[in-house]
Amino acid sequence: MNITELHQNDKEVSAVNLFKGELGTSTAIQLKRHGTLKEHATKTPALLLCITGLVSYEDETEKEVVLEPGDFIHIVPAVKHWLYASVPSQLVLLK
């Protein structure tokens, strides 16, 4: 199975549970071109991995990181953050 097959193609932003284990979860995230995952925060530490595309991560501490395929970022709990995709993008969120 391919990660792109998990998502409905008509949505600007799609998040699908990829795996749920005893100690954590992984979520497949798809952002269409110019798609924005609105401001939110996580309760637990997380790691966001870019699989394909080009995504900008920004947070309330004014941190800005551009993620290309293979790039990842650690997300700190309780810090509001958001994502913007310049091109169609696939990511995996690990918590």
PDB file of N, CA and C in Angstrom:
ATOM      1  N   MET A   1       0.849  -1.179   0.000  1.00  0.00           N
ATOM      2  CA  MET A   1       0.000   0.000   0.000  1.00  0.00           C
ATOM      3  C   MET A   1       0.893   1.241   0.000  1.00  0.00           C
ATOM      4  N   ASN A   2       0.433   2.283  -0.653  1.00  0.00           N
ATOM      5  CA  ASN A   2       1.154   3.550  -0.730  1.00  0.00           C
ATOM      6  C   ASN A   2       0.476   4.562   0.185  1.00  0.00           C
ATOM      7  N   ILE A   3       1.267   5.420   0.827  1.00  0.00           N
ATOM      8  CA  ILE A   3       0.728   6.394   1.783  1.00  0.00           C
ATOM      9  C   ILE A   3      -0.303   7.321   1.141  1.00  0.00           C
ATOM     10  N   THR A   4      -0.165   7.611  -0.139  1.00  0.00           N
ATOM     11  CA  THR A   4      -1.114   8.498  -0.816  1.00  0.00           C
ATOM     12  C   THR A   4      -2.493   7.867  -0.958  1.00  0.00           C
ATOM     13  N   GLU A   5      -2.568   6.544  -0.889  1.00  0.00           N
ATOM     14  CA  GLU A   5      -3.846   5.841  -1.023  1.00  0.00           C
ATOM     15  C   GLU A   5      -4.706   5.941   0.229  1.00  0.00           C
ATOM     16  N   LEU A   6      -4.164   6.455   1.316  1.00  0.00           N
ATOM     17  CA  LEU A   6      -4.893   6.563   2.576  1.00  0.00           C
ATOM     18  C   LEU A   6      -5.843   7.754   2.617  1.00  0.00           C
ATOM     19  N   HIS A   7      -5.614   8.734   1.744  1.00  0.00           N
ATOM     20  CA  HIS A   7      -6.308  10.014   1.823  1.00  0.00           C
ATOM     21  C   HIS A   7      -7.350  10.192   0.731  1.00  0.00           C
ATOM     22  N   GLN A   8      -8.378  10.968   1.057  1.00  0.00           N
ATOM     23  CA  GLN A   8      -9.352  11.385   0.066  1.00  0.00           C
ATOM     24  C   GLN A   8      -8.744  12.556  -0.698  1.00  0.00           C
ATOM     25  N   ASN A   9      -8.710  12.470  -2.003  1.00  0.00           N
ATOM     26  CA  ASN A   9      -8.023  13.483  -2.806  1.00  0.00           C
ATOM     27  C   ASN A   9      -8.714  14.829  -2.854  1.00  0.00           C
ATOM     28  N   ASP A  10      -9.973  14.929  -2.447  1.00  0.00           N
ATOM     29  CA  ASP A  10     -10.687  16.195  -2.559  1.00  0.00           C
ATOM     30  C   ASP A  10     -10.470  17.128  -1.370  1.00  0.00           C
ATOM     31  N   LYS A  11      -9.843  16.654  -0.304  1.00  0.00           N
ATOM     32  CA  LYS A  11      -9.644  17.482   0.879  1.00  0.00           C
ATOM     33  C   LYS A  11      -8.331  18.251   0.812  1.00  0.00           C
ATOM     34  N   GLU A  12      -8.360  19.521   1.271  1.00  0.00           N
ATOM     35  CA  GLU A  12      -7.149  20.346   1.326  1.00  0.00           C
ATOM     36  C   GLU A  12      -6.161  19.776   2.337  1.00  0.00           C
ATOM     37  N   VAL A  13      -6.684  19.295   3.467  1.00  0.00           N
ATOM     38  CA  VAL A  13      -5.874  18.696   4.529  1.00  0.00           C
ATOM     39  C   VAL A  13      -6.528  17.391   4.942  1.00  0.00           C
ATOM     40  N   SER A  14      -5.715  16.339   5.030  1.00  0.00           N
ATOM     41  CA  SER A  14      -6.236  15.045   5.445  1.00  0.00           C
ATOM     42  C   SER A  14      -5.270  14.412   6.443  1.00  0.00           C
ATOM     43  N   ALA A  15      -5.812  13.866   7.521  1.00  0.00           N
ATOM     44  CA  ALA A  15      -5.009  13.161   8.525  1.00  0.00           C
ATOM     45  C   ALA A  15      -5.665  11.809   8.784  1.00  0.00           C
ATOM     46  N   VAL A  16      -4.864  10.751   8.646  1.00  0.00           N
ATOM     47  CA  VAL A  16      -5.376   9.392   8.793  1.00  0.00           C
ATOM     48  C   VAL A  16      -4.459   8.625   9.742  1.00  0.00           C
ATOM     49  N   ASN A  17      -5.069   7.900  10.693  1.00  0.00           N
ATOM     50  CA  ASN A  17      -4.291   7.074  11.610  1.00  0.00           C
ATOM     51  C   ASN A  17      -3.547   6.015  10.804  1.00  0.00           C
ATOM     52  N   LEU A  18      -2.230   6.005  10.907  1.00  0.00           N
ATOM     53  CA  LEU A  18      -1.401   5.064  10.172  1.00  0.00           C
ATOM     54  C   LEU A  18      -1.091   3.830  11.022  1.00  0.00           C
ATOM     55  N   PHE A  19      -0.826   4.063  12.311  1.00  0.00           N
ATOM     56  CA  PHE A  19      -0.478   2.970  13.221  1.00  0.00           C
ATOM     57  C   PHE A  19      -0.752   3.403  14.651  1.00  0.00           C
ATOM     58  N   LYS A  20      -1.298   2.489  15.447  1.00  0.00           N
ATOM     59  CA  LYS A  20      -1.503   2.751  16.866  1.00  0.00           C
ATOM     60  C   LYS A  20      -0.935   1.576  17.644  1.00  0.00           C
ATOM     61  N   GLY A  21       0.086   1.859  18.444  1.00  0.00           N
ATOM     62  CA  GLY A  21       0.715   0.834  19.259  1.00  0.00           C
ATOM     63  C   GLY A  21       0.475   1.097  20.730  1.00  0.00           C
ATOM     64  N   GLU A  22       1.034   0.257  21.567  1.00  0.00           N
ATOM     65  CA  GLU A  22       0.870   0.421  23.012  1.00  0.00           C
ATOM     66  C   GLU A  22       1.565   1.684  23.523  1.00  0.00           C
ATOM     67  N   LEU A  23       2.640   2.083  22.858  1.00  0.00           N
ATOM     68  CA  LEU A  23       3.435   3.204  23.349  1.00  0.00           C
ATOM     69  C   LEU A  23       3.323   4.477  22.520  1.00  0.00           C
ATOM     70  N   GLY A  24       2.620   4.424  21.395  1.00  0.00           N
ATOM     71  CA  GLY A  24       2.529   5.623  20.577  1.00  0.00           C
ATOM     72  C   GLY A  24       1.704   5.414  19.325  1.00  0.00           C
ATOM     73  N   THR A  25       1.587   6.495  18.551  1.00  0.00           N
ATOM     74  CA  THR A  25       0.804   6.452  17.316  1.00  0.00           C
ATOM     75  C   THR A  25       1.574   7.133  16.189  1.00  0.00           C
ATOM     76  N   SER A  26       1.159   6.830  14.983  1.00  0.00           N
ATOM     77  CA  SER A  26       1.661   7.562  13.817  1.00  0.00           C
ATOM     78  C   SER A  26       0.464   7.945  12.962  1.00  0.00           C
ATOM     79  N   THR A  27       0.528   9.147  12.409  1.00  0.00           N
ATOM     80  CA  THR A  27      -0.554   9.683  11.599  1.00  0.00           C
ATOM     81  C   THR A  27       0.001  10.127  10.262  1.00  0.00           C
ATOM     82  N   ALA A  28      -0.645   9.700   9.184  1.00  0.00           N
ATOM     83  CA  ALA A  28      -0.279  10.156   7.846  1.00  0.00           C
ATOM     84  C   ALA A  28      -1.037  11.456   7.577  1.00  0.00           C
ATOM     85  N   ILE A  29      -0.316  12.485   7.155  1.00  0.00           N
ATOM     86  CA  ILE A  29      -0.912  13.796   6.873  1.00  0.00           C
ATOM     87  C   ILE A  29      -0.657  14.142   5.413  1.00  0.00           C
ATOM     88  N   GLN A  30      -1.714  14.557   4.732  1.00  0.00           N
ATOM     89  CA  GLN A  30      -1.593  15.023   3.358  1.00  0.00           C
ATOM     90  C   GLN A  30      -2.059  16.472   3.286  1.00  0.00           C
ATOM     91  N   LEU A  31      -1.246  17.309   2.665  1.00  0.00           N
ATOM     92  CA  LEU A  31      -1.611  18.707   2.429  1.00  0.00           C
ATOM     93  C   LEU A  31      -1.588  18.947   0.925  1.00  0.00           C
ATOM     94  N   LYS A  32      -2.671  19.457   0.399  1.00  0.00           N
ATOM     95  CA  LYS A  32      -2.721  19.838  -1.011  1.00  0.00           C
ATOM     96  C   LYS A  32      -1.869  21.087  -1.218  1.00  0.00           C
ATOM     97  N   ARG A  33      -1.616  21.439  -2.471  1.00  0.00           N
ATOM     98  CA  ARG A  33      -0.878  22.670  -2.793  1.00  0.00           C
ATOM     99  C   ARG A  33      -1.594  23.857  -2.150  1.00  0.00           C
ATOM    100  N   HIS A  34      -0.878  24.672  -1.424  1.00  0.00           N
ATOM    101  CA  HIS A  34      -1.384  25.824  -0.674  1.00  0.00           C
ATOM    102  C   HIS A  34      -2.287  25.402   0.499  1.00  0.00           C
ATOM    103  N   GLY A  35      -2.218  24.144   0.889  1.00  0.00           N
ATOM    104  CA  GLY A  35      -2.998  23.663   2.028  1.00  0.00           C
ATOM    105  C   GLY A  35      -2.384  24.120   3.339  1.00  0.00           C
ATOM    106  N   THR A  36      -3.241  24.453   4.293  1.00  0.00           N
ATOM    107  CA  THR A  36      -2.786  24.908   5.604  1.00  0.00           C
ATOM    108  C   THR A  36      -3.413  24.054   6.698  1.00  0.00           C
ATOM    109  N   LEU A  37      -2.577  23.498   7.548  1.00  0.00           N
ATOM    110  CA  LEU A  37      -3.061  22.834   8.757  1.00  0.00           C
ATOM    111  C   LEU A  37      -3.080  23.920   9.815  1.00  0.00           C
ATOM    112  N   LYS A  38      -4.270  24.287  10.242  1.00  0.00           N
ATOM    113  CA  LYS A  38      -4.454  25.444  11.122  1.00  0.00           C
ATOM    114  C   LYS A  38      -3.761  25.280  12.471  1.00  0.00           C
ATOM    115  N   GLU A  39      -3.611  26.403  13.151  1.00  0.00           N
ATOM    116  CA  GLU A  39      -2.941  26.473  14.447  1.00  0.00           C
ATOM    117  C   GLU A  39      -3.533  25.461  15.425  1.00  0.00           C
ATOM    118  N   HIS A  40      -2.646  24.731  16.086  1.00  0.00           N
ATOM    119  CA  HIS A  40      -3.051  23.741  17.078  1.00  0.00           C
ATOM    120  C   HIS A  40      -1.828  23.454  17.965  1.00  0.00           C
ATOM    121  N   ALA A  41      -2.019  22.660  19.002  1.00  0.00           N
ATOM    122  CA  ALA A  41      -0.931  22.260  19.895  1.00  0.00           C
ATOM    123  C   ALA A  41      -1.084  20.788  20.223  1.00  0.00           C
ATOM    124  N   THR A  42       0.010  20.148  20.574  1.00  0.00           N
ATOM    125  CA  THR A  42      -0.004  18.756  20.983  1.00  0.00           C
ATOM    126  C   THR A  42       0.216  18.660  22.494  1.00  0.00           C
ATOM    127  N   LYS A  43      -0.354  17.641  23.108  1.00  0.00           N
ATOM    128  CA  LYS A  43      -0.181  17.436  24.548  1.00  0.00           C
ATOM    129  C   LYS A  43       1.089  16.655  24.857  1.00  0.00           C
ATOM    130  N   THR A  44       1.609  15.954  23.853  1.00  0.00           N
ATOM    131  CA  THR A  44       2.794  15.115  24.045  1.00  0.00           C
ATOM    132  C   THR A  44       3.873  15.495  23.026  1.00  0.00           C
ATOM    133  N   PRO A  45       5.124  15.168  23.308  1.00  0.00           N
ATOM    134  CA  PRO A  45       6.180  15.418  22.321  1.00  0.00           C
ATOM    135  C   PRO A  45       5.858  14.669  21.024  1.00  0.00           C
ATOM    136  N   ALA A  46       6.258  15.251  19.904  1.00  0.00           N
ATOM    137  CA  ALA A  46       5.978  14.631  18.611  1.00  0.00           C
ATOM    138  C   ALA A  46       7.131  14.876  17.654  1.00  0.00           C
ATOM    139  N   LEU A  47       7.165  14.054  16.607  1.00  0.00           N
ATOM    140  CA  LEU A  47       8.137  14.217  15.552  1.00  0.00           C
ATOM    141  C   LEU A  47       7.375  14.242  14.232  1.00  0.00           C
ATOM    142  N   LEU A  48       7.641  15.252  13.406  1.00  0.00           N
ATOM    143  CA  LEU A  48       6.985  15.390  12.114  1.00  0.00           C
ATOM    144  C   LEU A  48       8.026  15.148  11.028  1.00  0.00           C
ATOM    145  N   LEU A  49       7.758  14.168  10.165  1.00  0.00           N
ATOM    146  CA  LEU A  49       8.678  13.763   9.102  1.00  0.00           C
ATOM    147  C   LEU A  49       8.050  14.053   7.749  1.00  0.00           C
ATOM    148  N   CYS A  50       8.767  14.789   6.904  1.00  0.00           N
ATOM    149  CA  CYS A  50       8.299  15.075   5.549  1.00  0.00           C
ATOM    150  C   CYS A  50       8.682  13.901   4.639  1.00  0.00           C
ATOM    151  N   ILE A  51       7.685  13.335   3.974  1.00  0.00           N
ATOM    152  CA  ILE A  51       7.917  12.221   3.053  1.00  0.00           C
ATOM    153  C   ILE A  51       8.091  12.752   1.628  1.00  0.00           C
ATOM    154  N   THR A  52       7.147  13.596   1.191  1.00  0.00           N
ATOM    155  CA  THR A  52       7.224  14.227  -0.124  1.00  0.00           C
ATOM    156  C   THR A  52       6.738  15.666  -0.016  1.00  0.00           C
ATOM    157  N   GLY A  53       7.149  16.512  -0.961  1.00  0.00           N
ATOM    158  CA  GLY A  53       6.634  17.873  -1.015  1.00  0.00           C
ATOM    159  C   GLY A  53       7.552  18.895  -0.376  1.00  0.00           C
ATOM    160  N   LEU A  54       6.934  20.016   0.014  1.00  0.00           N
ATOM    161  CA  LEU A  54       7.647  21.138   0.619  1.00  0.00           C
ATOM    162  C   LEU A  54       6.691  21.819   1.595  1.00  0.00           C
ATOM    163  N   VAL A  55       7.010  21.766   2.887  1.00  0.00           N
ATOM    164  CA  VAL A  55       6.110  22.245   3.936  1.00  0.00           C
ATOM    165  C   VAL A  55       6.839  23.221   4.854  1.00  0.00           C
ATOM    166  N   SER A  56       6.160  24.306   5.186  1.00  0.00           N
ATOM    167  CA  SER A  56       6.685  25.266   6.158  1.00  0.00           C
ATOM    168  C   SER A  56       6.027  25.002   7.508  1.00  0.00           C
ATOM    169  N   TYR A  57       6.852  24.825   8.533  1.00  0.00           N
ATOM    170  CA  TYR A  57       6.393  24.682   9.914  1.00  0.00           C
ATOM    171  C   TYR A  57       6.657  26.009  10.601  1.00  0.00           C
ATOM    172  N   GLU A  58       5.661  26.540  11.286  1.00  0.00           N
ATOM    173  CA  GLU A  58       5.855  27.749  12.077  1.00  0.00           C
ATOM    174  C   GLU A  58       5.188  27.554  13.427  1.00  0.00           C
ATOM    175  N   ASP A  59       5.723  28.229  14.455  1.00  0.00           N
ATOM    176  CA  ASP A  59       5.079  28.139  15.763  1.00  0.00           C
ATOM    177  C   ASP A  59       5.055  29.494  16.457  1.00  0.00           C
ATOM    178  N   GLU A  60       4.392  29.522  17.603  1.00  0.00           N
ATOM    179  CA  GLU A  60       4.190  30.775  18.327  1.00  0.00           C
ATOM    180  C   GLU A  60       5.479  31.358  18.898  1.00  0.00           C
ATOM    181  N   THR A  61       6.564  30.596  18.922  1.00  0.00           N
ATOM    182  CA  THR A  61       7.858  31.122  19.375  1.00  0.00           C
ATOM    183  C   THR A  61       8.613  31.782  18.223  1.00  0.00           C
ATOM    184  N   GLU A  62       7.942  31.901  17.076  1.00  0.00           N
ATOM    185  CA  GLU A  62       8.487  32.479  15.848  1.00  0.00           C
ATOM    186  C   GLU A  62       9.514  31.578  15.172  1.00  0.00           C
ATOM    187  N   LYS A  63       9.480  30.302  15.514  1.00  0.00           N
ATOM    188  CA  LYS A  63      10.324  29.326  14.841  1.00  0.00           C
ATOM    189  C   LYS A  63       9.728  29.045  13.468  1.00  0.00           C
ATOM    190  N   GLU A  64      10.567  29.069  12.439  1.00  0.00           N
ATOM    191  CA  GLU A  64      10.143  28.772  11.075  1.00  0.00           C
ATOM    192  C   GLU A  64      11.131  27.779  10.477  1.00  0.00           C
ATOM    193  N   VAL A  65      10.595  26.652   9.983  1.00  0.00           N
ATOM    194  CA  VAL A  65      11.435  25.615   9.387  1.00  0.00           C
ATOM    195  C   VAL A  65      10.777  25.136   8.110  1.00  0.00           C
ATOM    196  N   VAL A  66      11.552  25.045   7.038  1.00  0.00           N
ATOM    197  CA  VAL A  66      11.055  24.485   5.785  1.00  0.00           C
ATOM    198  C   VAL A  66      11.462  23.016   5.746  1.00  0.00           C
ATOM    199  N   LEU A  67      10.475  22.153   5.543  1.00  0.00           N
ATOM    200  CA  LEU A  67      10.718  20.712   5.504  1.00  0.00           C
ATOM    201  C   LEU A  67      10.646  20.210   4.064  1.00  0.00           C
ATOM    202  N   GLU A  68      11.696  19.540   3.638  1.00  0.00           N
ATOM    203  CA  GLU A  68      11.751  18.888   2.342  1.00  0.00           C
ATOM    204  C   GLU A  68      11.790  17.375   2.597  1.00  0.00           C
ATOM    205  N   PRO A  69      11.634  16.547   1.563  1.00  0.00           N
ATOM    206  CA  PRO A  69      11.643  15.097   1.782  1.00  0.00           C
ATOM    207  C   PRO A  69      12.849  14.639   2.596  1.00  0.00           C
ATOM    208  N   GLY A  70      12.561  13.893   3.648  1.00  0.00           N
ATOM    209  CA  GLY A  70      13.602  13.388   4.547  1.00  0.00           C
ATOM    210  C   GLY A  70      13.844  14.268   5.761  1.00  0.00           C
ATOM    211  N   ASP A  71      13.386  15.508   5.729  1.00  0.00           N
ATOM    212  CA  ASP A  71      13.565  16.414   6.866  1.00  0.00           C
ATOM    213  C   ASP A  71      12.526  16.114   7.951  1.00  0.00           C
ATOM    214  N   PHE A  72      12.906  16.384   9.189  1.00  0.00           N
ATOM    215  CA  PHE A  72      11.963  16.213  10.303  1.00  0.00           C
ATOM    216  C   PHE A  72      12.173  17.316  11.321  1.00  0.00           C
ATOM    217  N   ILE A  73      11.167  17.467  12.186  1.00  0.00           N
ATOM    218  CA  ILE A  73      11.239  18.453  13.257  1.00  0.00           C
ATOM    219  C   ILE A  73      10.593  17.868  14.504  1.00  0.00           C
ATOM    220  N   HIS A  74      11.191  18.160  15.651  1.00  0.00           N
ATOM    221  CA  HIS A  74      10.607  17.783  16.938  1.00  0.00           C
ATOM    222  C   HIS A  74       9.599  18.872  17.327  1.00  0.00           C
ATOM    223  N   ILE A  75       8.412  18.461  17.709  1.00  0.00           N
ATOM    224  CA  ILE A  75       7.368  19.405  18.110  1.00  0.00           C
ATOM    225  C   ILE A  75       7.211  19.344  19.630  1.00  0.00           C
ATOM    226  N   VAL A  76       7.317  20.501  20.248  1.00  0.00           N
ATOM    227  CA  VAL A  76       7.259  20.613  21.700  1.00  0.00           C
ATOM    228  C   VAL A  76       5.796  20.671  22.159  1.00  0.00           C
ATOM    229  N   PRO A  77       5.453  19.966  23.237  1.00  0.00           N
ATOM    230  CA  PRO A  77       4.081  20.017  23.755  1.00  0.00           C
ATOM    231  C   PRO A  77       3.668  21.436  24.142  1.00  0.00           C
ATOM    232  N   ALA A  78       2.393  21.726  23.975  1.00  0.00           N
ATOM    233  CA  ALA A  78       1.751  22.978  24.395  1.00  0.00           C
ATOM    234  C   ALA A  78       2.208  24.223  23.630  1.00  0.00           C
ATOM    235  N   VAL A  79       2.970  24.049  22.561  1.00  0.00           N
ATOM    236  CA  VAL A  79       3.376  25.181  21.730  1.00  0.00           C
ATOM    237  C   VAL A  79       2.483  25.184  20.487  1.00  0.00           C
ATOM    238  N   LYS A  80       1.753  26.269  20.282  1.00  0.00           N
ATOM    239  CA  LYS A  80       0.880  26.370  19.117  1.00  0.00           C
ATOM    240  C   LYS A  80       1.725  26.432  17.851  1.00  0.00           C
ATOM    241  N   HIS A  81       1.320  25.640  16.859  1.00  0.00           N
ATOM    242  CA  HIS A  81       2.058  25.583  15.599  1.00  0.00           C
ATOM    243  C   HIS A  81       1.093  25.334  14.451  1.00  0.00           C
ATOM    244  N   TRP A  82       1.576  25.521  13.217  1.00  0.00           N
ATOM    245  CA  TRP A  82       0.762  25.324  12.026  1.00  0.00           C
ATOM    246  C   TRP A  82       1.682  24.960  10.872  1.00  0.00           C
ATOM    247  N   LEU A  83       1.068  24.421   9.791  1.00  0.00           N
ATOM    248  CA  LEU A  83       1.821  23.986   8.618  1.00  0.00           C
ATOM    249  C   LEU A  83       1.224  24.594   7.359  1.00  0.00           C
ATOM    250  N   TYR A  84       2.078  24.847   6.374  1.00  0.00           N
ATOM    251  CA  TYR A  84       1.642  25.344   5.074  1.00  0.00           C
ATOM    252  C   TYR A  84       2.428  24.593   4.001  1.00  0.00           C
ATOM    253  N   ALA A  85       1.717  24.072   3.003  1.00  0.00           N
ATOM    254  CA  ALA A  85       2.363  23.330   1.918  1.00  0.00           C
ATOM    255  C   ALA A  85       2.435  24.176   0.657  1.00  0.00           C
ATOM    256  N   SER A  86       3.629  24.335   0.125  1.00  0.00           N
ATOM    257  CA  SER A  86       3.815  25.063  -1.134  1.00  0.00           C
ATOM    258  C   SER A  86       3.411  24.201  -2.328  1.00  0.00           C
ATOM    259  N   VAL A  87       3.572  22.907  -2.176  1.00  0.00           N
ATOM    260  CA  VAL A  87       3.234  21.921  -3.208  1.00  0.00           C
ATOM    261  C   VAL A  87       2.526  20.765  -2.521  1.00  0.00           C
ATOM    262  N   PRO A  88       1.871  19.867  -3.250  1.00  0.00           N
ATOM    263  CA  PRO A  88       1.268  18.699  -2.609  1.00  0.00           C
ATOM    264  C   PRO A  88       2.315  17.970  -1.758  1.00  0.00           C
ATOM    265  N   SER A  89       1.944  17.636  -0.525  1.00  0.00           N
ATOM    266  CA  SER A  89       2.915  17.087   0.420  1.00  0.00           C
ATOM    267  C   SER A  89       2.344  15.949   1.249  1.00  0.00           C
ATOM    268  N   GLN A  90       3.217  15.019   1.616  1.00  0.00           N
ATOM    269  CA  GLN A  90       2.894  13.899   2.485  1.00  0.00           C
ATOM    270  C   GLN A  90       3.833  13.948   3.687  1.00  0.00           C
ATOM    271  N   LEU A  91       3.270  13.791   4.894  1.00  0.00           N
ATOM    272  CA  LEU A  91       4.057  13.809   6.113  1.00  0.00           C
ATOM    273  C   LEU A  91       3.605  12.662   7.018  1.00  0.00           C
ATOM    274  N   VAL A  92       4.450  12.313   7.972  1.00  0.00           N
ATOM    275  CA  VAL A  92       4.084  11.352   9.008  1.00  0.00           C
ATOM    276  C   VAL A  92       4.381  11.991  10.360  1.00  0.00           C
ATOM    277  N   LEU A  93       3.375  11.964  11.239  1.00  0.00           N
ATOM    278  CA  LEU A  93       3.493  12.493  12.589  1.00  0.00           C
ATOM    279  C   LEU A  93       3.612  11.329  13.557  1.00  0.00           C
ATOM    280  N   LEU A  94       4.670  11.329  14.361  1.00  0.00           N
ATOM    281  CA  LEU A  94       4.890  10.271  15.347  1.00  0.00           C
ATOM    282  C   LEU A  94       4.748  10.851  16.738  1.00  0.00           C
ATOM    283  N   LYS A  95       3.905  10.208  17.559  1.00  0.00           N
ATOM    284  CA  LYS A  95       3.717  10.634  18.945  1.00  0.00           C
ATOM    285  C   LYS A  95       3.923   9.462  19.862  1.00  0.00           C
TER     286      LYS A  95
END
